[in-house]
Amino acid sequence: QVQLVESGGGLVQAGGSLRLSCAASGRTFSSYAMGWFRQAPGKEREFVAAISWSGGRTSYADSVKGRFTISRDNAKNMVYLQMNSLKPEDTAAYYCAADTRRPWGGVVSGIRDYTYWGQGTQVTVSS
């Protein structure tokens, strides 16, 4: 079992920054990839970023490339999403997720690839 708890969301003006954190339980955290997704009201959940078990590989949605950075600290069982140059269209609930079915695997971006999800943290960007 893996439990994921996100934090760091809030209200920020366009052009501002936020850093989301995701705390994961479990001793095998360092063996699986992690991802961030988001869901705006009335829209489907979409991929934002993913990072491999070692942190050596990352993947980003085109809409956030160059503005967002995903990272992880395996010693602390933490994953982060640094979000810069935020835009109103980044407003959404952000979820972290764990891909525990492919230990030591690469990064994946499909919602069905992930087996555990956090409860989400709200990010609101005002114009």
Foldseek 3Di string as FASTA:
>chain_A
DKAKAKDWADEEAAQAKIKMKIAMDDPCLLFWKKFKWWDDPPGDIFGAKIAGSPRPDMDGDPVQPPFWDWGADSVRRMIMIIGGRDDQVVWTWMKMFIQPVDTNDGIDTDPVSTDDIYPTDTHGYHD
